């Protein structure tokens, strides 16, 4: 698994834009290619979940989406995805009331190339619940991985991003915007 200080590998995946439920709305496609150079000058919070249409995954996706403005205030783009395709993600948005018009990027890593280059494929063949915080220079600054059955805490990812951006020493459990050492 890639870790802190390593460069985000080159990749190209299909992004599903925030706010879309259909493959085209008002003449605009819901899909856009995303690669390591997308979102120039921004921090990236890239999180993976095992599969669409599951039970734990939407709780995490919604929790990240609920913090989208907080992440944006820190010049960060949040992207969550799996190896399921982009059409599956749109169908899930239409099917699951909490994902309707989801206000954050999703992605489809259908070949698993990013999953494999990051080293986060489980024995079951899907991505572990992995989160990578990547700085504007595409250097990985934080990695958090749990097993397939355990959801993560997006508020803690925001706390870590906030701490990383201080460039200071941050004590244990430092709240967002809290004092540094």
C-alpha atoms as a PDB file:
ATOM      1  CA  UNK A   1       0.000   0.000   0.000  1.00  0.00           C
ATOM      2  CA  UNK A   2       1.274   3.470  -0.836  1.00  0.00           C
ATOM      3  CA  UNK A   3       1.913   5.643   2.177  1.00  0.00           C
ATOM      4  CA  UNK A   4       2.809   9.056   3.462  1.00  0.00           C
ATOM      5  CA  UNK A   5       5.340  10.972   1.386  1.00  0.00           C
ATOM      6  CA  UNK A   6       4.720   8.911  -1.735  1.00  0.00           C
ATOM      7  CA  UNK A   7       3.429  10.454  -4.931  1.00  0.00           C
ATOM      8  CA  UNK A   8      -0.122   9.777  -6.050  1.00  0.00           C
ATOM      9  CA  UNK A   9       0.273   7.469  -9.068  1.00  0.00           C
ATOM     10  CA  UNK A  10      -0.835   8.428 -12.549  1.00  0.00           C
ATOM     11  CA  UNK A  11      -4.409   7.346 -13.181  1.00  0.00           C
ATOM     12  CA  UNK A  12      -7.530   8.058 -15.183  1.00  0.00           C
ATOM     13  CA  UNK A  13     -10.984   7.215 -13.861  1.00  0.00           C
ATOM     14  CA  UNK A  14     -14.506   8.368 -14.647  1.00  0.00           C
ATOM     15  CA  UNK A  15     -15.761  11.104 -12.357  1.00  0.00           C
ATOM     16  CA  UNK A  16     -19.446  11.587 -11.594  1.00  0.00           C
ATOM     17  CA  UNK A  17     -20.106  15.271 -10.976  1.00  0.00           C
ATOM     18  CA  UNK A  18     -21.828  16.579  -7.854  1.00  0.00           C
ATOM     19  CA  UNK A  19     -25.563  17.197  -8.103  1.00  0.00           C
ATOM     20  CA  UNK A  20     -26.295  14.871 -11.029  1.00  0.00           C
ATOM     21  CA  UNK A  21     -28.775  11.990 -10.991  1.00  0.00           C
ATOM     22  CA  UNK A  22     -28.962  11.372 -14.758  1.00  0.00           C
ATOM     23  CA  UNK A  23     -26.165  10.877 -17.290  1.00  0.00           C
ATOM     24  CA  UNK A  24     -27.054  14.219 -18.851  1.00  0.00           C
ATOM     25  CA  UNK A  25     -28.862  17.180 -17.346  1.00  0.00           C
ATOM     26  CA  UNK A  26     -29.512  20.520 -19.050  1.00  0.00           C
ATOM     27  CA  UNK A  27     -27.238  19.481 -21.919  1.00  0.00           C
ATOM     28  CA  UNK A  28     -24.301  18.754 -19.598  1.00  0.00           C
ATOM     29  CA  UNK A  29     -22.785  15.334 -19.064  1.00  0.00           C
ATOM     30  CA  UNK A  30     -22.656  13.962 -15.523  1.00  0.00           C
ATOM     31  CA  UNK A  31     -19.312  12.352 -16.344  1.00  0.00           C
ATOM     32  CA  UNK A  32     -15.836  13.801 -16.584  1.00  0.00           C
ATOM     33  CA  UNK A  33     -12.466  12.073 -16.698  1.00  0.00           C
ATOM     34  CA  UNK A  34     -10.442  12.537 -13.512  1.00  0.00           C
ATOM     35  CA  UNK A  35      -6.710  12.022 -13.255  1.00  0.00           C
ATOM     36  CA  UNK A  36      -3.897  12.890 -10.873  1.00  0.00           C
ATOM     37  CA  UNK A  37      -3.731  16.423 -12.324  1.00  0.00           C
ATOM     38  CA  UNK A  38      -7.432  17.211 -11.945  1.00  0.00           C
ATOM     39  CA  UNK A  39      -8.309  19.923  -9.424  1.00  0.00           C
ATOM     40  CA  UNK A  40      -5.008  21.759  -9.820  1.00  0.00           C
ATOM     41  CA  UNK A  41      -3.825  23.534  -6.686  1.00  0.00           C
ATOM     42  CA  UNK A  42      -6.337  21.722  -4.465  1.00  0.00           C
ATOM     43  CA  UNK A  43      -5.967  19.168  -1.740  1.00  0.00           C
ATOM     44  CA  UNK A  44      -7.689  15.888  -2.598  1.00  0.00           C
ATOM     45  CA  UNK A  45      -9.533  13.643  -0.184  1.00  0.00           C
ATOM     46  CA  UNK A  46      -9.937  10.388  -2.076  1.00  0.00           C
ATOM     47  CA  UNK A  47     -11.924   7.693  -0.351  1.00  0.00           C
ATOM     48  CA  UNK A  48     -12.814   4.213  -1.502  1.00  0.00           C
ATOM     49  CA  UNK A  49     -15.673   1.966  -0.508  1.00  0.00           C
ATOM     50  CA  UNK A  50     -16.236  -1.668  -1.509  1.00  0.00           C
ATOM     51  CA  UNK A  51     -19.414  -1.569  -3.626  1.00  0.00           C
ATOM     52  CA  UNK A  52     -22.396   0.534  -4.583  1.00  0.00           C
ATOM     53  CA  UNK A  53     -25.845  -0.498  -3.331  1.00  0.00           C
ATOM     54  CA  UNK A  54     -24.529  -1.684   0.023  1.00  0.00           C
ATOM     55  CA  UNK A  55     -25.355  -0.769   3.604  1.00  0.00           C
ATOM     56  CA  UNK A  56     -22.351   0.864   5.319  1.00  0.00           C
ATOM     57  CA  UNK A  57     -21.144   2.773   2.245  1.00  0.00           C
ATOM     58  CA  UNK A  58     -23.989   5.305   1.962  1.00  0.00           C
ATOM     59  CA  UNK A  59     -23.540   6.305   5.610  1.00  0.00           C
ATOM     60  CA  UNK A  60     -19.954   7.287   4.849  1.00  0.00           C
ATOM     61  CA  UNK A  61     -20.733   8.944   1.522  1.00  0.00           C
ATOM     62  CA  UNK A  62     -23.476  11.082   3.065  1.00  0.00           C
ATOM     63  CA  UNK A  63     -21.238  12.029   5.999  1.00  0.00           C
ATOM     64  CA  UNK A  64     -18.471  13.166   3.612  1.00  0.00           C
ATOM     65  CA  UNK A  65     -21.020  15.048   1.466  1.00  0.00           C
ATOM     66  CA  UNK A  66     -22.398  16.799   4.547  1.00  0.00           C
ATOM     67  CA  UNK A  67     -18.898  18.181   5.142  1.00  0.00           C
ATOM     68  CA  UNK A  68     -18.277  19.166   1.496  1.00  0.00           C
ATOM     69  CA  UNK A  69     -18.388  22.903   2.246  1.00  0.00           C
ATOM     70  CA  UNK A  70     -15.980  22.483   5.170  1.00  0.00           C
ATOM     71  CA  UNK A  71     -13.552  20.640   2.893  1.00  0.00           C
ATOM     72  CA  UNK A  72     -14.025  23.255   0.148  1.00  0.00           C
ATOM     73  CA  UNK A  73     -13.207  26.003   2.685  1.00  0.00           C
ATOM     74  CA  UNK A  74      -9.845  24.253   3.040  1.00  0.00           C
ATOM     75  CA  UNK A  75      -9.254  24.127  -0.739  1.00  0.00           C
ATOM     76  CA  UNK A  76      -9.960  20.390  -0.790  1.00  0.00           C
ATOM     77  CA  UNK A  77     -12.011  18.328  -3.217  1.00  0.00           C
ATOM     78  CA  UNK A  78     -13.658  15.206  -1.837  1.00  0.00           C
ATOM     79  CA  UNK A  79     -14.050  12.204  -4.141  1.00  0.00           C
ATOM     80  CA  UNK A  80     -15.498   8.847  -3.186  1.00  0.00           C
ATOM     81  CA  UNK A  81     -15.714   5.763  -5.324  1.00  0.00           C
ATOM     82  CA  UNK A  82     -15.460   2.081  -5.970  1.00  0.00           C
ATOM     83  CA  UNK A  83     -14.842  -0.258  -8.891  1.00  0.00           C
ATOM     84  CA  UNK A  84     -18.536  -0.160  -9.857  1.00  0.00           C
ATOM     85  CA  UNK A  85     -19.233   1.850 -13.008  1.00  0.00           C
ATOM     86  CA  UNK A  86     -20.459   5.415 -13.311  1.00  0.00           C
ATOM     87  CA  UNK A  87     -23.982   4.395 -14.364  1.00  0.00           C
ATOM     88  CA  UNK A  88     -24.322   2.329 -11.211  1.00  0.00           C
ATOM     89  CA  UNK A  89     -23.438   5.402  -9.143  1.00  0.00           C
ATOM     90  CA  UNK A  90     -26.141   7.478 -10.827  1.00  0.00           C
ATOM     91  CA  UNK A  91     -28.688   4.688 -10.351  1.00  0.00           C
ATOM     92  CA  UNK A  92     -27.755   4.503  -6.671  1.00  0.00           C
ATOM     93  CA  UNK A  93     -28.242   8.273  -6.353  1.00  0.00           C
ATOM     94  CA  UNK A  94     -31.727   7.927  -7.838  1.00  0.00           C
ATOM     95  CA  UNK A  95     -32.565   4.888  -5.711  1.00  0.00           C
ATOM     96  CA  UNK A  96     -31.244   5.943  -2.291  1.00  0.00           C
ATOM     97  CA  UNK A  97     -32.977   9.048  -0.866  1.00  0.00           C
ATOM     98  CA  UNK A  98     -29.869  10.109   1.088  1.00  0.00           C
ATOM     99  CA  UNK A  99     -27.759  10.110  -2.093  1.00  0.00           C
ATOM    100  CA  UNK A 100     -30.247  12.069  -4.229  1.00  0.00           C
ATOM    101  CA  UNK A 101     -28.423  14.915  -6.037  1.00  0.00           C
ATOM    102  CA  UNK A 102     -25.280  14.044  -4.048  1.00  0.00           C
ATOM    103  CA  UNK A 103     -23.235  17.199  -3.512  1.00  0.00           C
ATOM    104  CA  UNK A 104     -19.765  15.705  -3.991  1.00  0.00           C
ATOM    105  CA  UNK A 105     -17.709  13.927  -6.642  1.00  0.00           C
ATOM    106  CA  UNK A 106     -17.912  10.180  -7.033  1.00  0.00           C
ATOM    107  CA  UNK A 107     -15.692   8.093  -9.264  1.00  0.00           C
ATOM    108  CA  UNK A 108     -15.706   4.779 -11.063  1.00  0.00           C
ATOM    109  CA  UNK A 109     -12.432   2.861 -11.071  1.00  0.00           C
ATOM    110  CA  UNK A 110     -13.899   0.102 -13.247  1.00  0.00           C
ATOM    111  CA  UNK A 111     -10.562  -1.467 -14.169  1.00  0.00           C
ATOM    112  CA  UNK A 112      -9.311  -1.222 -10.590  1.00  0.00           C
ATOM    113  CA  UNK A 113      -6.136   0.453 -11.808  1.00  0.00           C
ATOM    114  CA  UNK A 114      -6.124   3.112  -9.081  1.00  0.00           C
ATOM    115  CA  UNK A 115      -7.186   0.599  -6.437  1.00  0.00           C
ATOM    116  CA  UNK A 116      -4.300  -1.668  -7.446  1.00  0.00           C
ATOM    117  CA  UNK A 117      -1.681   1.080  -7.802  1.00  0.00           C
ATOM    118  CA  UNK A 118      -2.551   2.300  -4.292  1.00  0.00           C
ATOM    119  CA  UNK A 119      -2.422  -1.297  -3.017  1.00  0.00           C
ATOM    120  CA  UNK A 120      -5.874  -1.365  -1.401  1.00  0.00           C
ATOM    121  CA  UNK A 121      -7.604  -4.332  -3.077  1.00  0.00           C
ATOM    122  CA  UNK A 122      -9.054  -6.779  -0.552  1.00  0.00           C
ATOM    123  CA  UNK A 123      -8.985 -10.556  -0.878  1.00  0.00           C
ATOM    124  CA  UNK A 124     -12.656 -10.279  -1.908  1.00  0.00           C
ATOM    125  CA  UNK A 125     -11.542  -8.298  -4.974  1.00  0.00           C
ATOM    126  CA  UNK A 126     -12.971  -4.926  -3.935  1.00  0.00           C
ATOM    127  CA  UNK A 127     -11.357  -1.847  -2.421  1.00  0.00           C
ATOM    128  CA  UNK A 128     -10.848  -1.636   1.311  1.00  0.00           C
ATOM    129  CA  UNK A 129     -12.370   1.405   3.014  1.00  0.00           C
ATOM    130  CA  UNK A 130      -9.299   3.530   2.337  1.00  0.00           C
ATOM    131  CA  UNK A 131      -8.942   7.296   2.621  1.00  0.00           C
ATOM    132  CA  UNK A 132      -6.018   9.248   1.178  1.00  0.00           C
ATOM    133  CA  UNK A 133      -5.409  12.931   1.876  1.00  0.00           C
ATOM    134  CA  UNK A 134      -3.219  14.270  -0.926  1.00  0.00           C
ATOM    135  CA  UNK A 135      -1.622  17.716  -0.984  1.00  0.00           C
ATOM    136  CA  UNK A 136      -1.715  20.086  -3.993  1.00  0.00           C
ATOM    137  CA  UNK A 137       1.612  18.598  -5.192  1.00  0.00           C
ATOM    138  CA  UNK A 138       0.048  15.098  -5.330  1.00  0.00           C
ATOM    139  CA  UNK A 139       2.012  13.869  -2.323  1.00  0.00           C
ATOM    140  CA  UNK A 140       0.101  11.574   0.021  1.00  0.00           C
ATOM    141  CA  UNK A 141      -0.049  13.166   3.481  1.00  0.00           C
ATOM    142  CA  UNK A 142      -2.469  10.842   5.287  1.00  0.00           C
ATOM    143  CA  UNK A 143      -3.706   7.271   4.836  1.00  0.00           C
ATOM    144  CA  UNK A 144      -6.504   5.602   6.770  1.00  0.00           C
ATOM    145  CA  UNK A 145      -7.758   2.103   5.973  1.00  0.00           C
ATOM    146  CA  UNK A 146     -10.356  -0.097   7.639  1.00  0.00           C
ATOM    147  CA  UNK A 147     -11.697  -3.520   6.817  1.00  0.00           C
ATOM    148  CA  UNK A 148     -14.796  -3.945   4.674  1.00  0.00           C
ATOM    149  CA  UNK A 149     -17.296  -4.051   7.533  1.00  0.00           C
ATOM    150  CA  UNK A 150     -16.132  -0.971   9.477  1.00  0.00           C
ATOM    151  CA  UNK A 151     -17.149   2.549   8.462  1.00  0.00           C
ATOM    152  CA  UNK A 152     -14.878   5.542   8.979  1.00  0.00           C
ATOM    153  CA  UNK A 153     -15.416   8.972  10.505  1.00  0.00           C
ATOM    154  CA  UNK A 154     -15.313  11.770   7.877  1.00  0.00           C
ATOM    155  CA  UNK A 155     -15.192  14.396  10.639  1.00  0.00           C
ATOM    156  CA  UNK A 156     -11.835  12.956  11.660  1.00  0.00           C
ATOM    157  CA  UNK A 157     -10.611  13.219   8.064  1.00  0.00           C
ATOM    158  CA  UNK A 158     -11.553  16.909   8.146  1.00  0.00           C
ATOM    159  CA  UNK A 159      -9.739  17.247  11.501  1.00  0.00           C
ATOM    160  CA  UNK A 160      -6.604  15.663  10.009  1.00  0.00           C
ATOM    161  CA  UNK A 161      -6.737  17.839   6.871  1.00  0.00           C
ATOM    162  CA  UNK A 162      -7.154  20.930   9.036  1.00  0.00           C
ATOM    163  CA  UNK A 163      -4.151  19.885  11.142  1.00  0.00           C
ATOM    164  CA  UNK A 164      -1.983  19.099   8.104  1.00  0.00           C
ATOM    165  CA  UNK A 165      -2.678  22.528   6.690  1.00  0.00           C
ATOM    166  CA  UNK A 166      -1.446  24.278   9.839  1.00  0.00           C
ATOM    167  CA  UNK A 167       2.110  23.048   9.183  1.00  0.00           C
ATOM    168  CA  UNK A 168       2.443  23.068  12.989  1.00  0.00           C
ATOM    169  CA  UNK A 169       2.591  20.427  15.701  1.00  0.00           C
ATOM    170  CA  UNK A 170      -0.953  19.348  16.552  1.00  0.00           C
ATOM    171  CA  UNK A 171      -1.794  17.531  19.777  1.00  0.00           C
ATOM    172  CA  UNK A 172      -3.921  14.422  20.111  1.00  0.00           C
ATOM    173  CA  UNK A 173      -7.624  15.065  19.501  1.00  0.00           C
ATOM    174  CA  UNK A 174      -7.023  18.646  18.375  1.00  0.00           C
ATOM    175  CA  UNK A 175     -10.434  19.881  17.213  1.00  0.00           C
ATOM    176  CA  UNK A 176     -10.863  21.566  13.845  1.00  0.00           C
ATOM    177  CA  UNK A 177      -9.414  25.069  14.214  1.00  0.00           C
ATOM    178  CA  UNK A 178      -7.934  24.218  17.612  1.00  0.00           C
ATOM    179  CA  UNK A 179      -4.671  25.330  19.144  1.00  0.00           C
ATOM    180  CA  UNK A 180      -1.338  23.986  17.941  1.00  0.00           C
ATOM    181  CA  UNK A 181       1.717  23.338  20.089  1.00  0.00           C
END
